[in-house]
All heavy atoms as atom14 arrays in JSON, in Angstrom:
{
  "sequence": "VALDGKPLTPFRTDKNRALLAYLALESDRRHRREALA",
  "atom14_mask": [
    [1, 1, 1, 1, 1, 1, 1, 0, 0, 0, 0, 0, 0, 0],
    [1, 1, 1, 1, 1, 0, 0, 0, 0, 0, 0, 0, 0, 0],
    [1, 1, 1, 1, 1, 1, 1, 1, 0, 0, 0, 0, 0, 0],
    [1, 1, 1, 1, 1, 1, 1, 1, 0, 0, 0, 0, 0, 0],
    [1, 1, 1, 1, 0, 0, 0, 0, 0, 0, 0, 0, 0, 0],
    [1, 1, 1, 1, 1, 1, 1, 1, 1, 0, 0, 0, 0, 0],
    [1, 1, 1, 1, 1, 1, 1, 0, 0, 0, 0, 0, 0, 0],
    [1, 1, 1, 1, 1, 1, 1, 1, 0, 0, 0, 0, 0, 0],
    [1, 1, 1, 1, 1, 1, 1, 0, 0, 0, 0, 0, 0, 0],
    [1, 1, 1, 1, 1, 1, 1, 0, 0, 0, 0, 0, 0, 0],
    [1, 1, 1, 1, 1, 1, 1, 1, 1, 1, 1, 0, 0, 0],
    [1, 1, 1, 1, 1, 1, 1, 1, 1, 1, 1, 0, 0, 0],
    [1, 1, 1, 1, 1, 1, 1, 0, 0, 0, 0, 0, 0, 0],
    [1, 1, 1, 1, 1, 1, 1, 1, 0, 0, 0, 0, 0, 0],
    [1, 1, 1, 1, 1, 1, 1, 1, 1, 0, 0, 0, 0, 0],
    [1, 1, 1, 1, 1, 1, 1, 1, 0, 0, 0, 0, 0, 0],
    [1, 1, 1, 1, 1, 1, 1, 1, 1, 1, 1, 0, 0, 0],
    [1, 1, 1, 1, 1, 0, 0, 0, 0, 0, 0, 0, 0, 0],
    [1, 1, 1, 1, 1, 1, 1, 1, 0, 0, 0, 0, 0, 0],
    [1, 1, 1, 1, 1, 1, 1, 1, 0, 0, 0, 0, 0, 0],
    [1, 1, 1, 1, 1, 0, 0, 0, 0, 0, 0, 0, 0, 0],
    [1, 1, 1, 1, 1, 1, 1, 1, 1, 1, 1, 1, 0, 0],
    [1, 1, 1, 1, 1, 1, 1, 1, 0, 0, 0, 0, 0, 0],
    [1, 1, 1, 1, 1, 0, 0, 0, 0, 0, 0, 0, 0, 0],
    [1, 1, 1, 1, 1, 1, 1, 1, 0, 0, 0, 0, 0, 0],
    [1, 1, 1, 1, 1, 1, 1, 1, 1, 0, 0, 0, 0, 0],
    [1, 1, 1, 1, 1, 1, 0, 0, 0, 0, 0, 0, 0, 0],
    [1, 1, 1, 1, 1, 1, 1, 1, 0, 0, 0, 0, 0, 0],
    [1, 1, 1, 1, 1, 1, 1, 1, 1, 1, 1, 0, 0, 0],
    [1, 1, 1, 1, 1, 1, 1, 1, 1, 1, 1, 0, 0, 0],
    [1, 1, 1, 1, 1, 1, 1, 1, 1, 1, 0, 0, 0, 0],
    [1, 1, 1, 1, 1, 1, 1, 1, 1, 1, 1, 0, 0, 0],
    [1, 1, 1, 1, 1, 1, 1, 1, 1, 1, 1, 0, 0, 0],
    [1, 1, 1, 1, 1, 1, 1, 1, 1, 0, 0, 0, 0, 0],
    [1, 1, 1, 1, 1, 0, 0, 0, 0, 0, 0, 0, 0, 0],
    [1, 1, 1, 1, 1, 1, 1, 1, 0, 0, 0, 0, 0, 0],
    [1, 1, 1, 1, 1, 0, 0, 0, 0, 0, 0, 0, 0, 0]
  ],
  "atom14_positions": [
    [[131.68, 112.85, 76.3], [131.45, 113.33, 74.95], [131.71, 112.18, 73.99], [132.69, 111.43, 74.14], [132.36, 114.53, 74.61], [132.15, 114.97, 73.16], [132.08, 115.69, 75.55], [0.0, 0.0, 0.0], [0.0, 0.0, 0.0], [0.0, 0.0, 0.0], [0.0, 0.0, 0.0], [0.0, 0.0, 0.0], [0.0, 0.0, 0.0], [0.0, 0.0, 0.0]],
    [[130.81, 112.01, 73.04], [130.97, 110.95, 72.05], [130.75, 111.52, 70.65], [129.9, 112.38, 70.44], [129.99, 109.81, 72.31], [0.0, 0.0, 0.0], [0.0, 0.0, 0.0], [0.0, 0.0, 0.0], [0.0, 0.0, 0.0], [0.0, 0.0, 0.0], [0.0, 0.0, 0.0], [0.0, 0.0, 0.0], [0.0, 0.0, 0.0], [0.0, 0.0, 0.0]],
    [[131.53, 111.02, 69.71], [131.43, 111.43, 68.31], [131.03, 110.2, 67.51], [131.77, 109.21, 67.45], [132.76, 111.99, 67.83], [132.76, 112.88, 66.59], [131.94, 114.14, 66.82], [134.2, 113.24, 66.2], [0.0, 0.0, 0.0], [0.0, 0.0, 0.0], [0.0, 0.0, 0.0], [0.0, 0.0, 0.0], [0.0, 0.0, 0.0], [0.0, 0.0, 0.0]],
    [[129.81, 110.25, 66.94], [129.25, 109.09, 66.25], [129.28, 107.84, 67.12], [129.6, 106.74, 66.67], [130.0, 108.82, 64.94], [129.48, 109.69, 63.79], [128.4, 110.3, 63.95], [130.16, 109.77, 62.75], [0.0, 0.0, 0.0], [0.0, 0.0, 0.0], [0.0, 0.0, 0.0], [0.0, 0.0, 0.0], [0.0, 0.0, 0.0], [0.0, 0.0, 0.0]],
    [[128.96, 108.04, 68.4], [128.87, 106.92, 69.32], [130.19, 106.48, 69.93], [130.2, 105.61, 70.81], [0.0, 0.0, 0.0], [0.0, 0.0, 0.0], [0.0, 0.0, 0.0], [0.0, 0.0, 0.0], [0.0, 0.0, 0.0], [0.0, 0.0, 0.0], [0.0, 0.0, 0.0], [0.0, 0.0, 0.0], [0.0, 0.0, 0.0], [0.0, 0.0, 0.0]],
    [[131.3, 107.04, 69.5], [132.61, 106.66, 70.03], [133.07, 107.7, 71.04], [133.17, 108.9, 70.72], [133.63, 106.55, 68.9], [133.29, 105.47, 67.88], [134.32, 105.42, 66.76], [133.97, 104.34, 65.74], [134.95, 104.28, 64.62], [0.0, 0.0, 0.0], [0.0, 0.0, 0.0], [0.0, 0.0, 0.0], [0.0, 0.0, 0.0], [0.0, 0.0, 0.0]],
    [[133.35, 107.28, 72.3], [133.73, 108.24, 73.34], [135.0, 109.01, 72.98], [135.96, 108.44, 72.44], [133.96, 107.36, 74.56], [133.2, 106.1, 74.29], [133.27, 105.9, 72.8], [0.0, 0.0, 0.0], [0.0, 0.0, 0.0], [0.0, 0.0, 0.0], [0.0, 0.0, 0.0], [0.0, 0.0, 0.0], [0.0, 0.0, 0.0], [0.0, 0.0, 0.0]],
    [[134.97, 110.3, 73.27], [136.16, 111.13, 73.14], [136.75, 111.31, 74.53], [136.11, 111.88, 75.42], [135.81, 112.5, 72.55], [135.32, 112.53, 71.1], [135.01, 113.95, 70.68], [136.34, 111.92, 70.16], [0.0, 0.0, 0.0], [0.0, 0.0, 0.0], [0.0, 0.0, 0.0], [0.0, 0.0, 0.0], [0.0, 0.0, 0.0], [0.0, 0.0, 0.0]],
    [[137.95, 110.82, 74.75], [138.52, 110.86, 76.09], [139.74, 111.75, 76.27], [140.0, 112.19, 77.39], [138.9, 109.43, 76.53], [139.78, 108.85, 75.55], [137.65, 108.56, 76.65], [0.0, 0.0, 0.0], [0.0, 0.0, 0.0], [0.0, 0.0, 0.0], [0.0, 0.0, 0.0], [0.0, 0.0, 0.0], [0.0, 0.0, 0.0], [0.0, 0.0, 0.0]],
    [[140.52, 112.03, 75.24], [141.78, 112.78, 75.49], [141.58, 114.28, 75.63], [142.12, 115.08, 74.85], [142.64, 112.44, 74.27], [141.64, 112.27, 73.17], [140.43, 111.65, 73.81], [0.0, 0.0, 0.0], [0.0, 0.0, 0.0], [0.0, 0.0, 0.0], [0.0, 0.0, 0.0], [0.0, 0.0, 0.0], [0.0, 0.0, 0.0], [0.0, 0.0, 0.0]],
    [[140.8, 114.68, 76.63], [140.59, 116.12, 76.83], [141.73, 116.76, 77.61], [141.79, 117.98, 77.74], [139.25, 116.37, 77.53], [138.08, 116.36, 76.6], [137.45, 115.17, 76.27], [137.63, 117.52, 76.01], [136.38, 115.14, 75.39], [136.56, 117.51, 75.12], [135.94, 116.31, 74.82], [0.0, 0.0, 0.0], [0.0, 0.0, 0.0], [0.0, 0.0, 0.0]],
    [[142.57, 115.92, 78.2], [143.8, 116.36, 78.88], [143.57, 117.07, 80.2], [144.14, 116.69, 81.22], [144.65, 117.25, 77.95], [145.17, 116.53, 76.72], [146.06, 117.45, 75.91], [146.51, 116.8, 74.69], [147.2, 117.41, 73.74], [147.54, 118.69, 73.88], [147.56, 116.75, 72.64], [0.0, 0.0, 0.0], [0.0, 0.0, 0.0], [0.0, 0.0, 0.0]],
    [[142.76, 118.12, 80.21], [142.6, 118.89, 81.45], [141.12, 119.15, 81.73], [140.28, 119.16, 80.81], [143.32, 120.26, 81.35], [142.62, 121.09, 80.41], [144.76, 120.08, 80.91], [0.0, 0.0, 0.0], [0.0, 0.0, 0.0], [0.0, 0.0, 0.0], [0.0, 0.0, 0.0], [0.0, 0.0, 0.0], [0.0, 0.0, 0.0], [0.0, 0.0, 0.0]],
    [[140.82, 119.4, 83.0], [139.46, 119.76, 83.38], [139.04, 121.1, 82.78], [137.85, 121.33, 82.53], [139.32, 119.82, 84.91], [139.13, 118.44, 85.52], [138.79, 117.5, 84.78], [139.31, 118.3, 86.75], [0.0, 0.0, 0.0], [0.0, 0.0, 0.0], [0.0, 0.0, 0.0], [0.0, 0.0, 0.0], [0.0, 0.0, 0.0], [0.0, 0.0, 0.0]],
    [[139.99, 121.97, 82.53], [139.64, 123.27, 81.96], [139.21, 123.12, 80.49], [138.34, 123.85, 80.02], [140.78, 124.27, 82.1], [140.95, 124.71, 83.56], [141.8, 125.93, 83.72], [141.84, 126.35, 85.2], [142.66, 127.56, 85.41], [0.0, 0.0, 0.0], [0.0, 0.0, 0.0], [0.0, 0.0, 0.0], [0.0, 0.0, 0.0], [0.0, 0.0, 0.0]],
    [[139.79, 122.17, 79.79], [139.31, 121.88, 78.44], [137.88, 121.36, 78.48], [137.04, 121.73, 77.65], [140.21, 120.86, 77.76], [141.58, 121.43, 77.39], [141.78, 122.64, 77.41], [142.52, 120.55, 77.07], [0.0, 0.0, 0.0], [0.0, 0.0, 0.0], [0.0, 0.0, 0.0], [0.0, 0.0, 0.0], [0.0, 0.0, 0.0], [0.0, 0.0, 0.0]],
    [[137.61, 120.48, 79.44], [136.24, 119.96, 79.6], [135.29, 121.09, 79.98], [134.18, 121.19, 79.44], [136.23, 118.87, 80.67], [137.07, 117.65, 80.35], [137.01, 116.61, 81.47], [137.88, 115.48, 81.17], [139.16, 115.4, 81.53], [139.7, 116.39, 82.23], [139.88, 114.36, 81.22], [0.0, 0.0, 0.0], [0.0, 0.0, 0.0], [0.0, 0.0, 0.0]],
    [[135.72, 121.91, 80.92], [134.87, 123.01, 81.38], [134.58, 123.99, 80.25], [133.45, 124.49, 80.12], [135.54, 123.73, 82.54], [0.0, 0.0, 0.0], [0.0, 0.0, 0.0], [0.0, 0.0, 0.0], [0.0, 0.0, 0.0], [0.0, 0.0, 0.0], [0.0, 0.0, 0.0], [0.0, 0.0, 0.0], [0.0, 0.0, 0.0], [0.0, 0.0, 0.0]],
    [[135.57, 124.26, 79.42], [135.39, 125.19, 78.3], [134.34, 124.67, 77.33], [133.44, 125.42, 76.92], [136.72, 125.43, 77.59], [136.68, 126.32, 76.34], [136.15, 127.71, 76.69], [138.06, 126.41, 75.69], [0.0, 0.0, 0.0], [0.0, 0.0, 0.0], [0.0, 0.0, 0.0], [0.0, 0.0, 0.0], [0.0, 0.0, 0.0], [0.0, 0.0, 0.0]],
    [[134.44, 123.4, 76.95], [133.47, 122.85, 76.02], [132.07, 122.82, 76.65], [131.08, 123.18, 75.99], [133.86, 121.43, 75.6], [132.9, 120.75, 74.63], [132.74, 121.57, 73.35], [133.37, 119.33, 74.31], [0.0, 0.0, 0.0], [0.0, 0.0, 0.0], [0.0, 0.0, 0.0], [0.0, 0.0, 0.0], [0.0, 0.0, 0.0], [0.0, 0.0, 0.0]],
    [[131.97, 122.43, 77.92], [130.67, 122.38, 78.58], [130.05, 123.77, 78.66], [128.85, 123.95, 78.39], [130.82, 121.79, 79.99], [0.0, 0.0, 0.0], [0.0, 0.0, 0.0], [0.0, 0.0, 0.0], [0.0, 0.0, 0.0], [0.0, 0.0, 0.0], [0.0, 0.0, 0.0], [0.0, 0.0, 0.0], [0.0, 0.0, 0.0], [0.0, 0.0, 0.0]],
    [[130.84, 124.76, 79.02], [130.33, 126.14, 79.13], [129.86, 126.65, 77.78], [128.76, 127.21, 77.65], [131.42, 127.04, 79.69], [130.98, 128.48, 79.86], [130.24, 128.88, 80.97], [131.29, 129.45, 78.9], [129.84, 130.19, 81.13], [130.89, 130.76, 79.04], [130.16, 131.13, 80.16], [129.75, 132.43, 80.3], [0.0, 0.0, 0.0], [0.0, 0.0, 0.0]],
    [[130.66, 126.46, 76.75], [130.28, 126.93, 75.41], [129.03, 126.21, 74.92], [128.14, 126.83, 74.31], [131.43, 126.71, 74.43], [132.66, 127.59, 74.63], [133.79, 127.13, 73.72], [132.33, 129.06, 74.38], [0.0, 0.0, 0.0], [0.0, 0.0, 0.0], [0.0, 0.0, 0.0], [0.0, 0.0, 0.0], [0.0, 0.0, 0.0], [0.0, 0.0, 0.0]],
    [[128.94, 124.9, 75.19], [127.78, 124.14, 74.73], [126.49, 124.6, 75.4], [125.45, 124.75, 74.74], [128.0, 122.65, 74.98], [0.0, 0.0, 0.0], [0.0, 0.0, 0.0], [0.0, 0.0, 0.0], [0.0, 0.0, 0.0], [0.0, 0.0, 0.0], [0.0, 0.0, 0.0], [0.0, 0.0, 0.0], [0.0, 0.0, 0.0], [0.0, 0.0, 0.0]],
    [[126.54, 124.85, 76.7], [125.33, 125.25, 77.42], [125.0, 126.72, 77.25], [123.86, 127.13, 77.5], [125.47, 124.92, 78.91], [125.52, 123.43, 79.26], [125.54, 123.24, 80.77], [124.34, 122.68, 78.66], [0.0, 0.0, 0.0], [0.0, 0.0, 0.0], [0.0, 0.0, 0.0], [0.0, 0.0, 0.0], [0.0, 0.0, 0.0], [0.0, 0.0, 0.0]],
    [[125.97, 127.51, 76.83], [125.75, 128.94, 76.6], [125.87, 129.25, 75.11], [126.43, 130.28, 74.71], [126.76, 129.76, 77.41], [126.69, 129.54, 78.91], [125.41, 130.07, 79.53], [124.8, 131.0, 78.96], [125.0, 129.54, 80.6], [0.0, 0.0, 0.0], [0.0, 0.0, 0.0], [0.0, 0.0, 0.0], [0.0, 0.0, 0.0], [0.0, 0.0, 0.0]],
    [[125.32, 128.37, 74.29], [125.5, 128.48, 72.84], [124.58, 129.5, 72.18], [124.63, 129.68, 70.96], [125.28, 127.1, 72.19], [123.96, 126.64, 72.44], [0.0, 0.0, 0.0], [0.0, 0.0, 0.0], [0.0, 0.0, 0.0], [0.0, 0.0, 0.0], [0.0, 0.0, 0.0], [0.0, 0.0, 0.0], [0.0, 0.0, 0.0], [0.0, 0.0, 0.0]],
    [[123.76, 130.18, 72.97], [122.84, 131.16, 72.4], [123.51, 132.5, 72.1], [122.87, 133.41, 71.59], [121.66, 131.38, 73.35], [122.09, 131.89, 74.71], [123.27, 131.67, 75.1], [121.27, 132.52, 75.41], [0.0, 0.0, 0.0], [0.0, 0.0, 0.0], [0.0, 0.0, 0.0], [0.0, 0.0, 0.0], [0.0, 0.0, 0.0], [0.0, 0.0, 0.0]],
    [[124.79, 132.61, 72.39], [125.47, 133.88, 72.14], [126.96, 133.65, 71.89], [127.5, 132.58, 72.21], [125.3, 134.85, 73.31], [126.01, 134.42, 74.58], [125.64, 135.32, 75.73], [126.48, 135.11, 76.91], [126.32, 134.13, 77.77], [125.35, 133.26, 77.6], [127.12, 134.01, 78.83], [0.0, 0.0, 0.0], [0.0, 0.0, 0.0], [0.0, 0.0, 0.0]],
    [[127.61, 134.67, 71.34], [129.06, 134.64, 71.14], [129.75, 135.13, 72.41], [129.24, 135.99, 73.12], [129.44, 135.51, 69.95], [128.81, 135.07, 68.63], [129.07, 136.07, 67.54], [128.43, 135.68, 66.29], [128.41, 136.43, 65.2], [129.0, 137.63, 65.21], [127.81, 136.01, 64.1], [0.0, 0.0, 0.0], [0.0, 0.0, 0.0], [0.0, 0.0, 0.0]],
    [[130.93, 134.6, 72.65], [131.69, 134.95, 73.86], [133.01, 135.58, 73.47], [133.75, 135.04, 72.63], [131.94, 133.7, 74.71], [130.7, 132.98, 75.12], [130.01, 133.27, 76.29], [129.99, 132.0, 74.5], [128.95, 132.48, 76.37], [128.91, 131.71, 75.3], [0.0, 0.0, 0.0], [0.0, 0.0, 0.0], [0.0, 0.0, 0.0], [0.0, 0.0, 0.0]],
    [[133.29, 136.7, 74.07], [134.58, 137.35, 73.81], [135.72, 136.49, 74.37], [135.59, 135.9, 75.44], [134.62, 138.73, 74.45], [133.69, 139.75, 73.8], [133.85, 141.12, 74.43], [133.54, 141.11, 75.87], [134.45, 141.22, 76.82], [135.74, 141.35, 76.51], [134.09, 141.21, 78.08], [0.0, 0.0, 0.0], [0.0, 0.0, 0.0], [0.0, 0.0, 0.0]],
    [[136.79, 136.43, 73.64], [137.94, 135.65, 74.1], [138.43, 136.13, 75.46], [138.81, 135.32, 76.31], [139.08, 135.74, 73.08], [138.91, 134.83, 71.86], [140.06, 135.04, 70.89], [140.0, 134.11, 69.77], [140.76, 133.02, 69.65], [141.63, 132.73, 70.59], [140.66, 132.24, 68.58], [0.0, 0.0, 0.0], [0.0, 0.0, 0.0], [0.0, 0.0, 0.0]],
    [[138.43, 137.45, 75.67], [138.89, 137.98, 76.96], [138.04, 137.47, 78.1], [138.56, 137.14, 79.19], [138.86, 139.52, 76.94], [139.87, 140.17, 76.01], [139.35, 140.27, 74.58], [138.26, 139.72, 74.28], [140.04, 140.9, 73.75], [0.0, 0.0, 0.0], [0.0, 0.0, 0.0], [0.0, 0.0, 0.0], [0.0, 0.0, 0.0], [0.0, 0.0, 0.0]],
    [[136.74, 137.37, 77.87], [135.84, 136.91, 78.93], [136.07, 135.43, 79.24], [136.07, 135.02, 80.41], [134.39, 137.14, 78.51], [0.0, 0.0, 0.0], [0.0, 0.0, 0.0], [0.0, 0.0, 0.0], [0.0, 0.0, 0.0], [0.0, 0.0, 0.0], [0.0, 0.0, 0.0], [0.0, 0.0, 0.0], [0.0, 0.0, 0.0], [0.0, 0.0, 0.0]],
    [[136.28, 134.62, 78.2], [136.54, 133.19, 78.41], [137.88, 132.98, 79.12], [137.99, 132.12, 80.0], [136.53, 132.46, 77.08], [135.19, 132.36, 76.36], [135.36, 131.75, 74.98], [134.17, 131.56, 77.19], [0.0, 0.0, 0.0], [0.0, 0.0, 0.0], [0.0, 0.0, 0.0], [0.0, 0.0, 0.0], [0.0, 0.0, 0.0], [0.0, 0.0, 0.0]],
    [[138.87, 133.76, 78.73], [140.17, 133.65, 79.38], [140.08, 133.99, 80.86], [140.65, 133.31, 81.73], [141.19, 134.55, 78.68], [0.0, 0.0, 0.0], [0.0, 0.0, 0.0], [0.0, 0.0, 0.0], [0.0, 0.0, 0.0], [0.0, 0.0, 0.0], [0.0, 0.0, 0.0], [0.0, 0.0, 0.0], [0.0, 0.0, 0.0], [0.0, 0.0, 0.0]]
  ]
}
């Protein structure tokens, strides 16, 4: 992930990465917090 061309690296955990990837690819709808948890 890059912001204005600068890499963003401090995601800390794979689950943080997975969460952003899932939300980005499934951006056509809203997701209930319970479902994401």
